[in-house]
C-alpha atoms as a PDB file:
ATOM      1  CA  MET A   1     -12.418 -87.568 -25.725  1.00  0.00           C
ATOM      2  CA  LYS A   2     -10.761 -84.764 -23.844  1.00  0.00           C
ATOM      3  CA  THR A   3     -12.227 -85.688 -20.501  1.00  0.00           C
ATOM      4  CA  ASN A   4     -10.738 -89.140 -20.796  1.00  0.00           C
ATOM      5  CA  LYS A   5      -7.229 -87.697 -21.061  1.00  0.00           C
ATOM      6  CA  LEU A   6      -7.524 -85.830 -17.757  1.00  0.00           C
ATOM      7  CA  HIS A   7      -7.617 -89.030 -15.744  1.00  0.00           C
ATOM      8  CA  THR A   8      -4.560 -90.418 -17.429  1.00  0.00           C
ATOM      9  CA  ILE A   9      -2.081 -87.542 -16.770  1.00  0.00           C
ATOM     10  CA  GLU A  10       1.210 -88.933 -15.566  1.00  0.00           C
ATOM     11  CA  ASN A  11       3.280 -85.718 -15.513  1.00  0.00           C
ATOM     12  CA  THR A  12       2.296 -83.000 -12.931  1.00  0.00           C
ATOM     13  CA  GLY A  13       4.252 -80.178 -14.566  1.00  0.00           C
ATOM     14  CA  PHE A  14       6.453 -79.436 -11.528  1.00  0.00           C
ATOM     15  CA  LYS A  15      10.168 -80.132 -11.676  1.00  0.00           C
ATOM     16  CA  VAL A  16      12.830 -79.841  -9.036  1.00  0.00           C
ATOM     17  CA  PRO A  17      16.220 -78.588 -10.304  1.00  0.00           C
ATOM     18  CA  ASP A  18      19.031 -81.085 -10.425  1.00  0.00           C
ATOM     19  CA  ASP A  19      20.970 -81.429  -7.118  1.00  0.00           C
ATOM     20  CA  TYR A  20      18.473 -79.153  -5.344  1.00  0.00           C
ATOM     21  CA  PHE A  21      18.284 -81.194  -2.173  1.00  0.00           C
ATOM     22  CA  ASN A  22      22.010 -82.000  -2.200  1.00  0.00           C
ATOM     23  CA  THR A  23      23.007 -78.283  -2.055  1.00  0.00           C
ATOM     24  CA  LEU A  24      20.120 -77.086   0.173  1.00  0.00           C
ATOM     25  CA  GLU A  25      22.086 -77.243   3.411  1.00  0.00           C
ATOM     26  CA  ASP A  26      25.005 -75.205   1.986  1.00  0.00           C
ATOM     27  CA  ARG A  27      22.667 -72.498   0.731  1.00  0.00           C
ATOM     28  CA  ILE A  28      20.875 -72.141   4.070  1.00  0.00           C
ATOM     29  CA  LEU A  29      24.148 -71.848   5.974  1.00  0.00           C
ATOM     30  CA  SER A  30      25.510 -69.218   3.586  1.00  0.00           C
ATOM     31  CA  ASN A  31      22.337 -67.126   4.045  1.00  0.00           C
ATOM     32  CA  LEU A  32      22.723 -67.309   7.837  1.00  0.00           C
ATOM     33  CA  LYS A  33      26.347 -66.151   7.615  1.00  0.00           C
ATOM     34  CA  LEU A  34      25.328 -63.245   5.397  1.00  0.00           C
ATOM     35  CA  GLN A  35      22.671 -62.155   7.900  1.00  0.00           C
ATOM     36  CA  GLU A  36      25.190 -62.259  10.744  1.00  0.00           C
ATOM     37  CA  MET A  37      27.667 -60.147   8.778  1.00  0.00           C
ATOM     38  CA  ALA A  38      25.056 -57.553   7.702  1.00  0.00           C
ATOM     39  CA  PRO A  39      25.151 -54.323   9.681  1.00  0.00           C
ATOM     40  CA  LYS A  40      22.459 -54.028  12.301  1.00  0.00           C
ATOM     41  CA  SER A  41      19.920 -51.219  12.289  1.00  0.00           C
ATOM     42  CA  GLY A  42      20.902 -48.144  14.325  1.00  0.00           C
ATOM     43  CA  TYR A  43      17.368 -47.654  15.576  1.00  0.00           C
ATOM     44  CA  LYS A  44      16.521 -48.926  19.009  1.00  0.00           C
ATOM     45  CA  VAL A  45      13.435 -48.174  21.033  1.00  0.00           C
ATOM     46  CA  PRO A  46      14.282 -46.929  24.533  1.00  0.00           C
ATOM     47  CA  ASP A  47      13.324 -49.119  27.466  1.00  0.00           C
ATOM     48  CA  HIS A  48       9.714 -48.677  28.669  1.00  0.00           C
ATOM     49  CA  TYR A  49       9.005 -46.300  25.799  1.00  0.00           C
ATOM     50  CA  PHE A  50       5.503 -47.504  25.037  1.00  0.00           C
ATOM     51  CA  GLU A  51       4.523 -47.744  28.722  1.00  0.00           C
ATOM     52  CA  SER A  52       5.210 -44.020  29.272  1.00  0.00           C
ATOM     53  CA  LEU A  53       3.954 -42.863  25.858  1.00  0.00           C
ATOM     54  CA  GLU A  54       0.376 -42.289  26.997  1.00  0.00           C
ATOM     55  CA  ASN A  55       1.451 -40.127  29.955  1.00  0.00           C
ATOM     56  CA  ARG A  56       3.735 -37.986  27.790  1.00  0.00           C
ATOM     57  CA  MET A  57       1.036 -37.485  25.109  1.00  0.00           C
ATOM     58  CA  SER A  58      -1.578 -36.334  27.623  1.00  0.00           C
ATOM     59  CA  ALA A  59       0.923 -33.950  29.274  1.00  0.00           C
ATOM     60  CA  ALA A  60       1.798 -32.422  25.904  1.00  0.00           C
ATOM     61  CA  ALA A  61      -1.865 -31.943  25.026  1.00  0.00           C
ATOM     62  CA  ILE A  62      -2.627 -30.156  28.304  1.00  0.00           C
ATOM     63  CA  LYS A  63       0.447 -27.909  28.558  1.00  0.00           C
ATOM     64  CA  PRO A  64       1.877 -26.408  25.344  1.00  0.00           C
ATOM     65  CA  GLU A  65       5.658 -26.220  25.357  1.00  0.00           C
ATOM     66  CA  ASN A  66       6.072 -23.306  22.918  1.00  0.00           C
ATOM     67  CA  GLU A  67       4.005 -20.175  22.642  1.00  0.00           C
ATOM     68  CA  VAL A  68       2.378 -19.415  19.325  1.00  0.00           C
ATOM     69  CA  LYS A  69       3.899 -16.517  17.409  1.00  0.00           C
ATOM     70  CA  VAL A  70       1.317 -13.796  16.749  1.00  0.00           C
ATOM     71  CA  ILE A  71       1.634 -11.671  13.621  1.00  0.00           C
ATOM     72  CA  THR A  72      -0.193  -8.358  13.779  1.00  0.00           C
ATOM     73  CA  LEU A  73      -2.276  -7.324  10.795  1.00  0.00           C
ATOM     74  CA  PHE A  74      -1.852  -3.577  11.187  1.00  0.00           C
ATOM     75  CA  THR A  75       1.763  -2.593  11.481  1.00  0.00           C
ATOM     76  CA  ARG A  76       2.935   0.985  11.578  1.00  0.00           C
ATOM     77  CA  LYS A  77       4.420   0.701   8.100  1.00  0.00           C
ATOM     78  CA  LYS A  78       1.161  -0.569   6.587  1.00  0.00           C
ATOM     79  CA  ILE A  79      -0.841   2.205   8.256  1.00  0.00           C
ATOM     80  CA  LEU A  80       1.563   4.835   6.899  1.00  0.00           C
ATOM     81  CA  TYR A  81       1.279   3.437   3.376  1.00  0.00           C
ATOM     82  CA  ALA A  82      -2.522   3.324   3.545  1.00  0.00           C
ATOM     83  CA  SER A  83      -2.779   6.883   4.870  1.00  0.00           C
ATOM     84  CA  ALA A  84      -0.403   8.183   2.171  1.00  0.00           C
ATOM     85  CA  ILE A  85      -2.482   6.546  -0.549  1.00  0.00           C
ATOM     86  CA  ALA A  86      -5.725   7.896   0.911  1.00  0.00           C
ATOM     87  CA  ALA A  87      -4.289  11.413   1.181  1.00  0.00           C
ATOM     88  CA  SER A  88      -3.085  11.380  -2.426  1.00  0.00           C
ATOM     89  CA  ILE A  89      -6.507  10.187  -3.671  1.00  0.00           C
ATOM     90  CA  ILE A  90      -8.278  12.937  -1.717  1.00  0.00           C
ATOM     91  CA  LEU A  91      -5.826  15.523  -3.057  1.00  0.00           C
ATOM     92  CA  MET A  92      -6.374  14.396  -6.652  1.00  0.00           C
ATOM     93  CA  LEU A  93     -10.150  14.481  -6.228  1.00  0.00           C
ATOM     94  CA  ASN A  94     -10.002  18.002  -4.806  1.00  0.00           C
ATOM     95  CA  ILE A  95      -7.855  19.238  -7.676  1.00  0.00           C
ATOM     96  CA  PHE A  96     -10.016  17.742 -10.404  1.00  0.00           C
ATOM     97  CA  MET A  97     -13.341  18.543  -8.747  1.00  0.00           C
ATOM     98  CA  ASP A  98     -12.455  22.246  -8.401  1.00  0.00           C
ATOM     99  CA  GLN A  99     -11.777  22.481 -12.140  1.00  0.00           C
ATOM    100  CA  THR A 100     -15.139  20.991 -13.040  1.00  0.00           C
ATOM    101  CA  LYS A 101     -17.165  23.671 -11.238  1.00  0.00           C
ATOM    102  CA  ASN A 102     -19.070  25.917 -13.609  1.00  0.00           C
ATOM    103  CA  ILE A 103     -18.200  29.589 -13.409  1.00  0.00           C
ATOM    104  CA  THR A 104     -21.183  31.871 -13.898  1.00  0.00           C
ATOM    105  CA  ALA A 105     -21.420  35.623 -14.389  1.00  0.00           C
ATOM    106  CA  ASP A 106     -22.952  35.934 -10.925  1.00  0.00           C
ATOM    107  CA  SER A 107     -19.882  34.415  -9.266  1.00  0.00           C
ATOM    108  CA  ILE A 108     -17.444  36.848 -10.935  1.00  0.00           C
ATOM    109  CA  GLU A 109     -17.148  40.404  -9.674  1.00  0.00           C
ATOM    110  CA  THR A 110     -18.604  43.123 -11.907  1.00  0.00           C
ATOM    111  CA  ALA A 111     -15.369  45.128 -11.857  1.00  0.00           C
ATOM    112  CA  SER A 112     -13.440  42.164 -13.249  1.00  0.00           C
ATOM    113  CA  ILE A 113     -15.843  41.825 -16.157  1.00  0.00           C
ATOM    114  CA  GLU A 114     -15.717  45.581 -16.876  1.00  0.00           C
ATOM    115  CA  ASN A 115     -11.924  45.541 -16.914  1.00  0.00           C
ATOM    116  CA  TYR A 116     -11.873  42.566 -19.241  1.00  0.00           C
ATOM    117  CA  ILE A 117     -14.235  44.192 -21.740  1.00  0.00           C
ATOM    118  CA  ILE A 118     -12.342  47.499 -21.670  1.00  0.00           C
ATOM    119  CA  ASP A 119      -8.839  46.033 -21.844  1.00  0.00           C
ATOM    120  CA  GLU A 120      -9.530  43.454 -24.539  1.00  0.00           C
ATOM    121  CA  ASN A 121     -10.271  44.477 -28.087  1.00  0.00           C
ATOM    122  CA  LEU A 122     -13.427  42.476 -28.604  1.00  0.00           C
ATOM    123  CA  ASP A 123     -14.924  42.092 -32.043  1.00  0.00           C
ATOM    124  CA  LEU A 124     -18.627  41.731 -32.703  1.00  0.00           C
ATOM    125  CA  TYR A 125     -18.669  37.913 -32.451  1.00  0.00           C
ATOM    126  CA  GLU A 126     -16.864  37.811 -29.131  1.00  0.00           C
ATOM    127  CA  PHE A 127     -19.165  40.499 -27.815  1.00  0.00           C
ATOM    128  CA  ALA A 128     -22.223  38.575 -29.018  1.00  0.00           C
ATOM    129  CA  SER A 129     -21.028  35.516 -27.114  1.00  0.00           C
ATOM    130  CA  LEU A 130     -21.803  37.397 -23.899  1.00  0.00           C
ATOM    131  CA  PHE A 131     -25.530  37.238 -24.677  1.00  0.00           C
ATOM    132  CA  SER A 132     -27.804  34.237 -24.801  1.00  0.00           C
ATOM    133  CA  GLU A 133     -29.575  33.246 -28.008  1.00  0.00           C
ATOM    134  CA  ASP A 134     -32.948  34.386 -26.632  1.00  0.00           C
ATOM    135  CA  GLU A 135     -31.580  37.871 -26.001  1.00  0.00           C
ATOM    136  CA  LEU A 136     -29.986  38.018 -29.444  1.00  0.00           C
ATOM    137  CA  SER A 137     -33.175  36.848 -31.193  1.00  0.00           C
ATOM    138  CA  HIS A 138     -35.039  39.955 -29.964  1.00  0.00           C
ATOM    139  CA  VAL A 139     -32.497  42.299 -31.542  1.00  0.00           C
ATOM    140  CA  GLU A 140     -33.606  43.570 -34.922  1.00  0.00           C
ATOM    141  CA  LEU A 141     -30.846  44.846 -37.119  1.00  0.00           C
ATOM    142  CA  ILE A 142     -31.327  47.104 -40.078  1.00  0.00           C
ATOM    143  CA  SER A 143     -29.127  46.039 -42.900  1.00  0.00           C
ATOM    144  CA  ASP A 144     -29.381  49.230 -44.941  1.00  0.00           C
ATOM    145  CA  GLY A 145     -25.820  50.441 -45.399  1.00  0.00           C
ATOM    146  CA  TYR A 146     -24.489  49.271 -42.060  1.00  0.00           C
ATOM    147  CA  ASN A 147     -21.384  47.158 -41.897  1.00  0.00           C
ATOM    148  CA  SER A 148     -20.032  45.252 -38.926  1.00  0.00           C
ATOM    149  CA  LYS A 149     -17.460  47.893 -38.049  1.00  0.00           C
ATOM    150  CA  ASN A 150     -20.115  50.642 -37.834  1.00  0.00           C
ATOM    151  CA  LEU A 151     -22.376  48.443 -35.692  1.00  0.00           C
ATOM    152  CA  GLU A 152     -19.539  47.547 -33.401  1.00  0.00           C
ATOM    153  CA  ASN A 153     -18.642  51.207 -32.916  1.00  0.00           C
ATOM    154  CA  TYR A 154     -22.292  52.077 -32.258  1.00  0.00           C
ATOM    155  CA  VAL A 155     -22.619  49.359 -29.579  1.00  0.00           C
ATOM    156  CA  PHE A 156     -19.427  50.416 -27.841  1.00  0.00           C
ATOM    157  CA  ASP A 157     -20.348  54.096 -27.919  1.00  0.00           C
ATOM    158  CA  ASN A 158     -23.996  53.871 -26.875  1.00  0.00           C
ATOM    159  CA  LEU A 159     -24.181  50.994 -24.412  1.00  0.00           C
ATOM    160  CA  GLU A 160     -22.960  51.050 -20.844  1.00  0.00           C
ATOM    161  CA  ILE A 161     -20.882  48.132 -19.621  1.00  0.00           C
ATOM    162  CA  GLU A 162     -23.057  47.695 -16.556  1.00  0.00           C
ATOM    163  CA  ASP A 163     -26.111  47.221 -18.770  1.00  0.00           C
ATOM    164  CA  ILE A 164     -24.325  44.430 -20.615  1.00  0.00           C
ATOM    165  CA  ILE A 165     -23.159  42.727 -17.419  1.00  0.00           C
ATOM    166  CA  THR A 166     -26.475  42.762 -15.563  1.00  0.00           C
ATOM    167  CA  LYS A 167     -28.387  41.217 -18.468  1.00  0.00           C
END
């Protein structure tokens, strides 16, 4: 069968081109001429380069030729910028923190409050805002024939400003 054909192969499958061996000498000589005409490499190793390489490497490792450039982290310009930013943040905090403080009647002078009440024409509702709800809940008003204008006049005529402020 197929194994029998393997022993009877007469053709190897390799072929040499026609006139290959006749023109071989001419081709080799033309390659040699081309190599002679080709420009040579410009690189040449100096004489005794590899013999002195070890000595030069060890000398370079022991003694640095150039100093290392040192860059400082804190320059004058950076410090000025940082201090300006810090000062502006502190200034902003001081401005906004002063406005958030609660002003109480104890922190204001009594004369200032008296002048405000006298100079301003306060109506009954504005005047009532000076009292707390606990103080107003104890006041009993009689609603027989009294209007807000009469009550307002009565309060202004009969109460002292210092009594209002100290309560």
